[in-house]
Amino acid sequence: MQQKEVQALVKIAMDAGAAGAGIAEVRRIIFRREFRAACVQNFCGKYGTCWMCPPDVGDIDEMITCAKGYRHMLVFQSIEPLEDSFDIEGMERAAIKHNALALRLAKQLVGVLENPLRLGAGACHVCPCCAKAEDLPCRHPEQATASLEAYGIAVSELAEISGLAYMNGVNTVTYFGGFLFR
């Protein structure tokens, strides 16, 4: 990928409100099946409650194979201040802002990237309550977003290969998202 193209994509992400952005070559991304085991432990409380989370999002090996079918990923991050490291409400507000950023960025990339695969931070937050809770199909499949981790992507290493800091200071939370493209 030429530097001019990289700069143009990074500019789009920054103009959409990202705190940082970079490009990662998919061949350099580290995929780990064991992230699925962490999902099964259900630390976030979303396992089995959201169409875009395990186990419903899909087989980990198929998802890794799908992701590896792309050449590059536009990686973007949002960084938000927290009152302290236990500010769960602040983290939730930051997650909502991050997902809004991802949707803005998706709109900006229409016509720029052909059929990108959008991946986000944590569970899909498009709907206040996932339709899965009512055993209904996804209400917004065109906006629904699986997480980087659901695809087995090691986010700390993704940050490094895309030139972004994974940790951004005391009392901050950093969320990552990405658009895989060919």
C-alpha atoms as a PDB file:
ATOM      1  CA  MET A   1       0.000   0.000   0.000  1.00  0.00           C
ATOM      2  CA  GLN A   2       1.404   3.375  -0.965  1.00  0.00           C
ATOM      3  CA  GLN A   3       2.129   6.013   1.661  1.00  0.00           C
ATOM      4  CA  LYS A   4      -0.290   8.428  -0.017  1.00  0.00           C
ATOM      5  CA  GLU A   5      -3.127   5.907   0.407  1.00  0.00           C
ATOM      6  CA  VAL A   6      -2.181   5.281   4.033  1.00  0.00           C
ATOM      7  CA  GLN A   7      -2.178   9.014   4.756  1.00  0.00           C
ATOM      8  CA  ALA A   8      -5.572   9.473   3.095  1.00  0.00           C
ATOM      9  CA  LEU A   9      -7.186   6.696   5.178  1.00  0.00           C
ATOM     10  CA  VAL A  10      -5.609   7.938   8.405  1.00  0.00           C
ATOM     11  CA  LYS A  11      -6.867  11.452   7.631  1.00  0.00           C
ATOM     12  CA  ILE A  12     -10.418  10.156   7.111  1.00  0.00           C
ATOM     13  CA  ALA A  13     -10.285   8.413  10.495  1.00  0.00           C
ATOM     14  CA  MET A  14      -8.860  11.460  12.256  1.00  0.00           C
ATOM     15  CA  ASP A  15     -11.409  13.777  10.609  1.00  0.00           C
ATOM     16  CA  ALA A  16     -14.181  11.448  11.841  1.00  0.00           C
ATOM     17  CA  GLY A  17     -12.908  11.981  15.399  1.00  0.00           C
ATOM     18  CA  ALA A  18     -10.401   9.193  16.029  1.00  0.00           C
ATOM     19  CA  ALA A  19      -7.672   9.959  18.557  1.00  0.00           C
ATOM     20  CA  GLY A  20      -5.255   7.943  16.446  1.00  0.00           C
ATOM     21  CA  ALA A  21      -5.226   5.765  13.348  1.00  0.00           C
ATOM     22  CA  GLY A  22      -2.855   3.565  11.414  1.00  0.00           C
ATOM     23  CA  ILE A  23      -2.697   0.759   8.886  1.00  0.00           C
ATOM     24  CA  ALA A  24      -1.819  -2.839   9.700  1.00  0.00           C
ATOM     25  CA  GLU A  25      -0.990  -5.517   7.159  1.00  0.00           C
ATOM     26  CA  VAL A  26      -3.221  -8.488   7.919  1.00  0.00           C
ATOM     27  CA  ARG A  27      -0.331 -10.928   7.459  1.00  0.00           C
ATOM     28  CA  ARG A  28       1.306  -9.284  10.517  1.00  0.00           C
ATOM     29  CA  ILE A  29      -1.800  -9.430  12.736  1.00  0.00           C
ATOM     30  CA  ILE A  30      -1.630 -12.012  15.487  1.00  0.00           C
ATOM     31  CA  PHE A  31      -4.748 -14.143  15.833  1.00  0.00           C
ATOM     32  CA  ARG A  32      -5.348 -16.180  18.966  1.00  0.00           C
ATOM     33  CA  ARG A  33      -8.058 -18.805  19.312  1.00  0.00           C
ATOM     34  CA  GLU A  34      -7.804 -18.576  23.114  1.00  0.00           C
ATOM     35  CA  PHE A  35      -9.658 -15.249  23.116  1.00  0.00           C
ATOM     36  CA  ARG A  36     -12.796 -17.332  22.649  1.00  0.00           C
ATOM     37  CA  ALA A  37     -12.066 -19.096  25.957  1.00  0.00           C
ATOM     38  CA  ALA A  38     -11.979 -15.688  27.652  1.00  0.00           C
ATOM     39  CA  CYS A  39     -15.384 -14.934  26.137  1.00  0.00           C
ATOM     40  CA  VAL A  40     -16.794 -18.172  27.558  1.00  0.00           C
ATOM     41  CA  GLN A  41     -15.784 -16.967  31.047  1.00  0.00           C
ATOM     42  CA  ASN A  42     -18.234 -14.097  30.403  1.00  0.00           C
ATOM     43  CA  PHE A  43     -16.397 -11.311  32.227  1.00  0.00           C
ATOM     44  CA  CYS A  44     -18.346  -8.700  30.258  1.00  0.00           C
ATOM     45  CA  GLY A  45     -21.719 -10.401  30.705  1.00  0.00           C
ATOM     46  CA  LYS A  46     -22.464 -10.538  26.955  1.00  0.00           C
ATOM     47  CA  TYR A  47     -21.678 -14.196  26.190  1.00  0.00           C
ATOM     48  CA  GLY A  48     -24.746 -15.732  24.605  1.00  0.00           C
ATOM     49  CA  THR A  49     -26.772 -12.502  24.890  1.00  0.00           C
ATOM     50  CA  CYS A  50     -25.743 -10.670  21.708  1.00  0.00           C
ATOM     51  CA  TRP A  51     -25.786 -11.841  18.092  1.00  0.00           C
ATOM     52  CA  MET A  52     -22.361 -10.286  17.522  1.00  0.00           C
ATOM     53  CA  CYS A  53     -20.739 -12.023  20.509  1.00  0.00           C
ATOM     54  CA  PRO A  54     -19.697 -15.627  20.973  1.00  0.00           C
ATOM     55  CA  PRO A  55     -21.014 -18.198  20.617  1.00  0.00           C
ATOM     56  CA  ASP A  56     -23.519 -16.715  18.133  1.00  0.00           C
ATOM     57  CA  VAL A  57     -21.109 -14.577  16.113  1.00  0.00           C
ATOM     58  CA  GLY A  58     -19.550 -17.653  14.514  1.00  0.00           C
ATOM     59  CA  ASP A  59     -16.859 -20.290  14.675  1.00  0.00           C
ATOM     60  CA  ILE A  60     -13.489 -18.801  15.676  1.00  0.00           C
ATOM     61  CA  ASP A  61     -11.542 -20.703  13.007  1.00  0.00           C
ATOM     62  CA  GLU A  62     -13.930 -19.537  10.282  1.00  0.00           C
ATOM     63  CA  MET A  63     -13.706 -15.957  11.545  1.00  0.00           C
ATOM     64  CA  ILE A  64      -9.908 -16.017  11.588  1.00  0.00           C
ATOM     65  CA  THR A  65      -9.891 -17.454   8.055  1.00  0.00           C
ATOM     66  CA  CYS A  66     -12.292 -14.718   6.950  1.00  0.00           C
ATOM     67  CA  ALA A  67     -10.126 -11.973   8.464  1.00  0.00           C
ATOM     68  CA  LYS A  68      -6.989 -13.406   6.893  1.00  0.00           C
ATOM     69  CA  GLY A  69      -8.705 -13.081   3.507  1.00  0.00           C
ATOM     70  CA  TYR A  70      -8.169  -9.304   3.686  1.00  0.00           C
ATOM     71  CA  ARG A  71      -4.879  -7.504   3.018  1.00  0.00           C
ATOM     72  CA  HIS A  72      -4.980  -4.479   5.306  1.00  0.00           C
ATOM     73  CA  MET A  73      -6.773  -3.045   8.300  1.00  0.00           C
ATOM     74  CA  LEU A  74      -7.450   0.588   9.035  1.00  0.00           C
ATOM     75  CA  VAL A  75      -7.050   0.629  12.820  1.00  0.00           C
ATOM     76  CA  PHE A  76      -8.488   3.529  14.820  1.00  0.00           C
ATOM     77  CA  GLN A  77      -8.655   4.372  18.478  1.00  0.00           C
ATOM     78  CA  SER A  78     -10.553   6.584  20.844  1.00  0.00           C
ATOM     79  CA  ILE A  79      -9.145   7.773  24.158  1.00  0.00           C
ATOM     80  CA  GLU A  80     -11.371   9.086  26.933  1.00  0.00           C
ATOM     81  CA  PRO A  81     -10.577  10.365  30.422  1.00  0.00           C
ATOM     82  CA  LEU A  82     -11.879   8.520  33.484  1.00  0.00           C
ATOM     83  CA  GLU A  83     -12.370   9.735  37.052  1.00  0.00           C
ATOM     84  CA  ASP A  84     -10.287   6.755  38.220  1.00  0.00           C
ATOM     85  CA  SER A  85      -9.510   3.193  37.196  1.00  0.00           C
ATOM     86  CA  PHE A  86     -12.823   1.987  38.675  1.00  0.00           C
ATOM     87  CA  ASP A  87     -14.991   4.422  36.673  1.00  0.00           C
ATOM     88  CA  ILE A  88     -17.205   1.793  35.030  1.00  0.00           C
ATOM     89  CA  GLU A  89     -19.815   4.389  33.986  1.00  0.00           C
ATOM     90  CA  GLY A  90     -17.074   6.429  32.320  1.00  0.00           C
ATOM     91  CA  MET A  91     -15.876   3.331  30.461  1.00  0.00           C
ATOM     92  CA  GLU A  92     -19.420   2.640  29.283  1.00  0.00           C
ATOM     93  CA  ARG A  93     -19.846   6.238  28.069  1.00  0.00           C
ATOM     94  CA  ALA A  94     -16.496   5.967  26.291  1.00  0.00           C
ATOM     95  CA  ALA A  95     -17.610   2.706  24.624  1.00  0.00           C
ATOM     96  CA  ILE A  96     -20.789   4.371  23.356  1.00  0.00           C
ATOM     97  CA  LYS A  97     -18.746   7.279  21.973  1.00  0.00           C
ATOM     98  CA  HIS A  98     -16.313   4.853  20.362  1.00  0.00           C
ATOM     99  CA  ASN A  99     -19.111   2.969  18.634  1.00  0.00           C
ATOM    100  CA  ALA A 100     -20.603   6.249  17.394  1.00  0.00           C
ATOM    101  CA  LEU A 101     -17.158   7.070  15.993  1.00  0.00           C
ATOM    102  CA  ALA A 102     -17.075   3.687  14.233  1.00  0.00           C
ATOM    103  CA  LEU A 103     -20.432   4.356  12.582  1.00  0.00           C
ATOM    104  CA  ARG A 104     -19.352   7.874  11.481  1.00  0.00           C
ATOM    105  CA  LEU A 105     -16.160   6.453  10.089  1.00  0.00           C
ATOM    106  CA  ALA A 106     -18.066   3.701   8.263  1.00  0.00           C
ATOM    107  CA  LYS A 107     -20.133   6.375   6.504  1.00  0.00           C
ATOM    108  CA  GLN A 108     -16.986   8.284   5.549  1.00  0.00           C
ATOM    109  CA  LEU A 109     -15.439   5.140   4.069  1.00  0.00           C
ATOM    110  CA  VAL A 110     -18.360   4.378   1.727  1.00  0.00           C
ATOM    111  CA  GLY A 111     -16.926   4.535  -1.762  1.00  0.00           C
ATOM    112  CA  VAL A 112     -13.368   4.623  -0.401  1.00  0.00           C
ATOM    113  CA  LEU A 113     -13.080   1.003   0.754  1.00  0.00           C
ATOM    114  CA  GLU A 114     -14.937  -1.728  -1.092  1.00  0.00           C
ATOM    115  CA  ASN A 115     -16.891  -4.029   1.272  1.00  0.00           C
ATOM    116  CA  PRO A 116     -14.760  -3.576   4.390  1.00  0.00           C
ATOM    117  CA  LEU A 117     -15.301  -5.740   7.452  1.00  0.00           C
ATOM    118  CA  ARG A 118     -15.883  -3.469  10.460  1.00  0.00           C
ATOM    119  CA  LEU A 119     -14.700  -4.696  13.850  1.00  0.00           C
ATOM    120  CA  GLY A 120     -15.174  -2.866  17.115  1.00  0.00           C
ATOM    121  CA  ALA A 121     -14.432  -2.839  20.803  1.00  0.00           C
ATOM    122  CA  GLY A 122     -16.368  -5.263  22.946  1.00  0.00           C
ATOM    123  CA  ALA A 123     -19.961  -6.224  22.354  1.00  0.00           C
ATOM    124  CA  CYS A 124     -22.060  -4.601  19.653  1.00  0.00           C
ATOM    125  CA  HIS A 125     -23.701  -1.455  21.022  1.00  0.00           C
ATOM    126  CA  VAL A 126     -25.941  -0.528  18.097  1.00  0.00           C
ATOM    127  CA  CYS A 127     -29.132  -1.388  19.987  1.00  0.00           C
ATOM    128  CA  PRO A 128     -29.807  -0.698  23.673  1.00  0.00           C
ATOM    129  CA  CYS A 129     -30.976  -4.312  23.944  1.00  0.00           C
ATOM    130  CA  CYS A 130     -29.959  -6.951  21.406  1.00  0.00           C
ATOM    131  CA  ALA A 131     -32.826  -8.669  19.612  1.00  0.00           C
ATOM    132  CA  LYS A 132     -31.293 -11.971  20.707  1.00  0.00           C
ATOM    133  CA  ALA A 133     -32.855 -11.353  24.143  1.00  0.00           C
ATOM    134  CA  GLU A 134     -36.260 -11.751  22.454  1.00  0.00           C
ATOM    135  CA  ASP A 135     -35.030 -14.550  20.169  1.00  0.00           C
ATOM    136  CA  LEU A 136     -35.486 -12.273  17.148  1.00  0.00           C
ATOM    137  CA  PRO A 137     -33.047 -11.692  14.279  1.00  0.00           C
ATOM    138  CA  CYS A 138     -30.637  -8.780  14.426  1.00  0.00           C
ATOM    139  CA  ARG A 139     -32.519  -5.494  13.902  1.00  0.00           C
ATOM    140  CA  HIS A 140     -29.604  -3.721  12.180  1.00  0.00           C
ATOM    141  CA  PRO A 141     -27.329  -6.275  10.488  1.00  0.00           C
ATOM    142  CA  GLU A 142     -25.792  -3.559   8.301  1.00  0.00           C
ATOM    143  CA  GLN A 143     -24.569  -1.750  11.428  1.00  0.00           C
ATOM    144  CA  ALA A 144     -23.956  -4.699  13.770  1.00  0.00           C
ATOM    145  CA  THR A 145     -20.329  -5.017  14.742  1.00  0.00           C
ATOM    146  CA  ALA A 146     -18.353  -7.915  16.159  1.00  0.00           C
ATOM    147  CA  SER A 147     -15.311  -7.191  18.281  1.00  0.00           C
ATOM    148  CA  LEU A 148     -11.683  -7.484  17.317  1.00  0.00           C
ATOM    149  CA  GLU A 149     -11.356 -10.106  20.066  1.00  0.00           C
ATOM    150  CA  ALA A 150     -14.285 -12.143  18.696  1.00  0.00           C
ATOM    151  CA  TYR A 151     -12.127 -12.569  15.595  1.00  0.00           C
ATOM    152  CA  GLY A 152      -9.211 -13.643  17.786  1.00  0.00           C
ATOM    153  CA  ILE A 153      -7.201 -10.453  17.225  1.00  0.00           C
ATOM    154  CA  ALA A 154      -4.637  -9.579  19.890  1.00  0.00           C
ATOM    155  CA  VAL A 155      -5.451  -5.875  20.296  1.00  0.00           C
ATOM    156  CA  SER A 156      -2.292  -4.869  22.189  1.00  0.00           C
ATOM    157  CA  GLU A 157      -0.172  -6.303  19.376  1.00  0.00           C
ATOM    158  CA  LEU A 158      -2.485  -4.817  16.735  1.00  0.00           C
ATOM    159  CA  ALA A 159      -1.890  -1.398  18.285  1.00  0.00           C
ATOM    160  CA  GLU A 160       1.854  -1.883  18.074  1.00  0.00           C
ATOM    161  CA  ILE A 161       1.958  -2.989  14.429  1.00  0.00           C
ATOM    162  CA  SER A 162      -0.326  -0.116  13.431  1.00  0.00           C
ATOM    163  CA  GLY A 163       1.860   2.437  15.229  1.00  0.00           C
ATOM    164  CA  LEU A 164      -0.605   3.275  18.029  1.00  0.00           C
ATOM    165  CA  ALA A 165      -0.165   3.291  21.789  1.00  0.00           C
ATOM    166  CA  TYR A 166      -2.180   0.654  23.610  1.00  0.00           C
ATOM    167  CA  MET A 167      -2.036   2.470  26.954  1.00  0.00           C
ATOM    168  CA  ASN A 168      -2.571   6.230  26.921  1.00  0.00           C
ATOM    169  CA  GLY A 169      -2.080   7.430  30.458  1.00  0.00           C
ATOM    170  CA  VAL A 170      -3.443   7.085  33.934  1.00  0.00           C
ATOM    171  CA  ASN A 171      -7.203   7.442  34.280  1.00  0.00           C
ATOM    172  CA  THR A 172      -7.920   6.978  30.591  1.00  0.00           C
ATOM    173  CA  VAL A 173      -9.582   4.238  28.602  1.00  0.00           C
ATOM    174  CA  THR A 174      -8.544   3.454  25.045  1.00  0.00           C
ATOM    175  CA  TYR A 175     -10.809   1.584  22.659  1.00  0.00           C
ATOM    176  CA  PHE A 176      -9.817   0.200  19.276  1.00  0.00           C
ATOM    177  CA  GLY A 177     -11.715  -0.639  16.126  1.00  0.00           C
ATOM    178  CA  GLY A 178     -10.803  -1.511  12.600  1.00  0.00           C
ATOM    179  CA  PHE A 179     -11.895  -1.908   9.018  1.00  0.00           C
ATOM    180  CA  LEU A 180     -10.419  -4.883   7.180  1.00  0.00           C
ATOM    181  CA  PHE A 181     -10.114  -4.280   3.460  1.00  0.00           C
ATOM    182  CA  ARG A 182      -8.582  -5.781   0.351  1.00  0.00           C
END
